[in-house]
Amino acid sequence: MAKFRVGRVGEQIKKEISSLIQTELKDPRIGFITVTGVDVTNDLSLARVYLSILGSEEQREATLHALGKAKGFLRSELGRRMRLRHTPEIEFRFDSSIEYGSHIEALLQEINRGAPNA
């Protein structure tokens, strides 16, 4: 039963963090971000937020740095919106799965262009 709650809390954190980043944060260092997933520990003490960030490597680093600075604000707003007894610590991680998927797609298209039509 506790696993279901952890999953629901994780999905709600994903929704709220995404909304907060889009509407509340006005830092110019923050680029185009997609929240791809949230892993929450069983005791709800830590939430790992996985982000896909569009842009160059230095833009990604600047965005992660800006989000690190805004971590306290995001956590307090999350606690206010979700009304949990203890708001989990937030840890941001870069998720390269979308970038990897587009790379594989480009490779497959290149292979298909080179293959003879049968």
C-alpha atoms as a PDB file:
ATOM      1  CA  MET A   1       0.000   0.000   0.000  1.00  0.00           C
ATOM      2  CA  ALA A   2       2.877   2.369   0.782  1.00  0.00           C
ATOM      3  CA  LYS A   3       4.323   1.866  -2.730  1.00  0.00           C
ATOM      4  CA  PHE A   4       1.137   3.265  -4.251  1.00  0.00           C
ATOM      5  CA  ARG A   5       1.355   6.353  -2.055  1.00  0.00           C
ATOM      6  CA  VAL A   6       5.015   6.929  -2.971  1.00  0.00           C
ATOM      7  CA  GLY A   7       4.073   6.707  -6.657  1.00  0.00           C
ATOM      8  CA  ARG A   8       1.168   9.146  -6.269  1.00  0.00           C
ATOM      9  CA  VAL A   9       3.310  11.586  -4.300  1.00  0.00           C
ATOM     10  CA  GLY A  10       6.032  11.348  -6.962  1.00  0.00           C
ATOM     11  CA  GLU A  11       3.584  12.120  -9.763  1.00  0.00           C
ATOM     12  CA  GLN A  12       2.152  15.064  -7.826  1.00  0.00           C
ATOM     13  CA  ILE A  13       5.661  16.412  -7.156  1.00  0.00           C
ATOM     14  CA  LYS A  14       6.416  16.104 -10.884  1.00  0.00           C
ATOM     15  CA  LYS A  15       3.298  18.109 -11.760  1.00  0.00           C
ATOM     16  CA  GLU A  16       3.902  20.798  -9.147  1.00  0.00           C
ATOM     17  CA  ILE A  17       7.643  21.214  -9.864  1.00  0.00           C
ATOM     18  CA  SER A  18       6.934  21.519 -13.582  1.00  0.00           C
ATOM     19  CA  SER A  19       4.279  24.142 -12.935  1.00  0.00           C
ATOM     20  CA  LEU A  20       6.501  26.071 -10.522  1.00  0.00           C
ATOM     21  CA  ILE A  21       9.442  26.141 -12.930  1.00  0.00           C
ATOM     22  CA  GLN A  22       7.260  27.381 -15.783  1.00  0.00           C
ATOM     23  CA  THR A  23       5.266  30.004 -13.912  1.00  0.00           C
ATOM     24  CA  GLU A  24       7.139  31.145 -10.807  1.00  0.00           C
ATOM     25  CA  LEU A  25      10.861  31.086 -11.623  1.00  0.00           C
ATOM     26  CA  LYS A  26      12.016  34.157 -13.511  1.00  0.00           C
ATOM     27  CA  ASP A  27      15.769  33.436 -13.603  1.00  0.00           C
ATOM     28  CA  PRO A  28      17.139  34.140 -17.118  1.00  0.00           C
ATOM     29  CA  ARG A  29      19.643  31.271 -16.760  1.00  0.00           C
ATOM     30  CA  ILE A  30      16.812  28.750 -16.771  1.00  0.00           C
ATOM     31  CA  GLY A  31      16.267  27.527 -20.314  1.00  0.00           C
ATOM     32  CA  PHE A  32      13.690  25.204 -21.812  1.00  0.00           C
ATOM     33  CA  ILE A  33      13.131  22.422 -19.274  1.00  0.00           C
ATOM     34  CA  THR A  34      11.006  19.290 -19.288  1.00  0.00           C
ATOM     35  CA  VAL A  35      10.522  17.392 -16.041  1.00  0.00           C
ATOM     36  CA  THR A  36      10.785  13.785 -17.214  1.00  0.00           C
ATOM     37  CA  GLY A  37      10.375  11.972 -13.914  1.00  0.00           C
ATOM     38  CA  VAL A  38      10.584  12.003 -10.140  1.00  0.00           C
ATOM     39  CA  ASP A  39      11.897   9.227  -7.906  1.00  0.00           C
ATOM     40  CA  VAL A  40      10.859   9.478  -4.271  1.00  0.00           C
ATOM     41  CA  THR A  41      12.396   7.415  -1.492  1.00  0.00           C
ATOM     42  CA  ASN A  42      10.075   5.142   0.496  1.00  0.00           C
ATOM     43  CA  ASP A  43      10.196   7.422   3.560  1.00  0.00           C
ATOM     44  CA  LEU A  44       9.446  10.514   1.386  1.00  0.00           C
ATOM     45  CA  SER A  45      12.608  12.253   2.568  1.00  0.00           C
ATOM     46  CA  LEU A  46      14.240  12.727  -0.849  1.00  0.00           C
ATOM     47  CA  ALA A  47      12.827  13.442  -4.303  1.00  0.00           C
ATOM     48  CA  ARG A  48      15.147  13.080  -7.296  1.00  0.00           C
ATOM     49  CA  VAL A  49      13.791  15.244 -10.101  1.00  0.00           C
ATOM     50  CA  TYR A  50      14.987  14.254 -13.573  1.00  0.00           C
ATOM     51  CA  LEU A  51      15.158  17.066 -16.127  1.00  0.00           C
ATOM     52  CA  SER A  52      15.639  17.199 -19.853  1.00  0.00           C
ATOM     53  CA  ILE A  53      17.228  20.529 -20.762  1.00  0.00           C
ATOM     54  CA  LEU A  54      17.396  21.829 -24.308  1.00  0.00           C
ATOM     55  CA  GLY A  55      20.565  23.680 -25.285  1.00  0.00           C
ATOM     56  CA  SER A  56      24.334  23.464 -25.172  1.00  0.00           C
ATOM     57  CA  GLU A  57      26.337  21.921 -22.338  1.00  0.00           C
ATOM     58  CA  GLU A  58      27.057  25.311 -20.737  1.00  0.00           C
ATOM     59  CA  GLN A  59      23.346  26.224 -20.878  1.00  0.00           C
ATOM     60  CA  ARG A  60      22.538  22.936 -19.136  1.00  0.00           C
ATOM     61  CA  GLU A  61      25.093  23.650 -16.420  1.00  0.00           C
ATOM     62  CA  ALA A  62      23.752  27.200 -15.956  1.00  0.00           C
ATOM     63  CA  THR A  63      20.205  25.873 -15.715  1.00  0.00           C
ATOM     64  CA  LEU A  64      21.147  23.224 -13.135  1.00  0.00           C
ATOM     65  CA  HIS A  65      23.060  25.858 -11.153  1.00  0.00           C
ATOM     66  CA  ALA A  66      20.059  28.235 -11.205  1.00  0.00           C
ATOM     67  CA  LEU A  67      17.721  25.446 -10.105  1.00  0.00           C
ATOM     68  CA  GLY A  68      20.136  24.610  -7.291  1.00  0.00           C
ATOM     69  CA  LYS A  69      19.877  28.207  -6.110  1.00  0.00           C
ATOM     70  CA  ALA A  70      16.065  28.083  -6.303  1.00  0.00           C
ATOM     71  CA  LYS A  71      15.829  24.750  -4.472  1.00  0.00           C
ATOM     72  CA  GLY A  72      14.713  26.314  -1.176  1.00  0.00           C
ATOM     73  CA  PHE A  73      11.963  28.337  -2.822  1.00  0.00           C
ATOM     74  CA  LEU A  74      10.754  25.300  -4.798  1.00  0.00           C
ATOM     75  CA  ARG A  75      10.702  23.139  -1.678  1.00  0.00           C
ATOM     76  CA  SER A  76       8.752  25.689   0.369  1.00  0.00           C
ATOM     77  CA  GLU A  77       6.211  26.192  -2.428  1.00  0.00           C
ATOM     78  CA  LEU A  78       5.925  22.429  -2.849  1.00  0.00           C
ATOM     79  CA  GLY A  79       5.206  22.069   0.866  1.00  0.00           C
ATOM     80  CA  ARG A  80       2.580  24.781   0.715  1.00  0.00           C
ATOM     81  CA  ARG A  81       0.827  23.278  -2.316  1.00  0.00           C
ATOM     82  CA  MET A  82       0.944  19.610  -1.324  1.00  0.00           C
ATOM     83  CA  ARG A  83       0.426  19.889   2.425  1.00  0.00           C
ATOM     84  CA  LEU A  84       2.736  17.049   3.385  1.00  0.00           C
ATOM     85  CA  ARG A  85       3.928  16.724   6.971  1.00  0.00           C
ATOM     86  CA  HIS A  86       7.555  16.697   5.815  1.00  0.00           C
ATOM     87  CA  THR A  87       8.426  18.084   2.407  1.00  0.00           C
ATOM     88  CA  PRO A  88      11.112  15.965   0.732  1.00  0.00           C
ATOM     89  CA  GLU A  89      14.540  17.352  -0.091  1.00  0.00           C
ATOM     90  CA  ILE A  90      14.830  18.053  -3.805  1.00  0.00           C
ATOM     91  CA  GLU A  91      17.755  16.819  -5.876  1.00  0.00           C
ATOM     92  CA  PHE A  92      17.959  17.754  -9.561  1.00  0.00           C
ATOM     93  CA  ARG A  93      19.518  15.371 -12.067  1.00  0.00           C
ATOM     94  CA  PHE A  94      20.031  15.640 -15.793  1.00  0.00           C
ATOM     95  CA  ASP A  95      18.129  13.075 -17.877  1.00  0.00           C
ATOM     96  CA  SER A  96      19.704  12.377 -21.255  1.00  0.00           C
ATOM     97  CA  SER A  97      17.178   9.752 -22.394  1.00  0.00           C
ATOM     98  CA  ILE A  98      15.368  12.087 -24.821  1.00  0.00           C
ATOM     99  CA  GLU A  99      18.667  13.186 -26.351  1.00  0.00           C
ATOM    100  CA  TYR A 100      19.766   9.556 -26.611  1.00  0.00           C
ATOM    101  CA  GLY A 101      16.473   8.596 -28.269  1.00  0.00           C
ATOM    102  CA  SER A 102      16.792  11.335 -30.887  1.00  0.00           C
ATOM    103  CA  HIS A 103      20.378  10.204 -31.600  1.00  0.00           C
ATOM    104  CA  ILE A 104      19.182   6.620 -32.163  1.00  0.00           C
ATOM    105  CA  GLU A 105      16.365   7.904 -34.394  1.00  0.00           C
ATOM    106  CA  ALA A 106      18.880   9.868 -36.517  1.00  0.00           C
ATOM    107  CA  LEU A 107      21.083   6.774 -36.848  1.00  0.00           C
ATOM    108  CA  LEU A 108      18.117   4.639 -37.943  1.00  0.00           C
ATOM    109  CA  GLN A 109      17.093   7.219 -40.544  1.00  0.00           C
ATOM    110  CA  GLU A 110      20.666   7.286 -41.863  1.00  0.00           C
ATOM    111  CA  ILE A 111      20.659   3.498 -42.155  1.00  0.00           C
ATOM    112  CA  ASN A 112      17.303   3.533 -43.957  1.00  0.00           C
ATOM    113  CA  ARG A 113      18.550   6.114 -46.475  1.00  0.00           C
ATOM    114  CA  GLY A 114      21.536   3.930 -47.317  1.00  0.00           C
ATOM    115  CA  ALA A 115      19.570   0.672 -47.649  1.00  0.00           C
ATOM    116  CA  PRO A 116      18.439  -0.396 -51.154  1.00  0.00           C
ATOM    117  CA  ASN A 117      14.668  -0.499 -51.629  1.00  0.00           C
ATOM    118  CA  ALA A 118      13.480  -4.066 -52.016  1.00  0.00           C
END
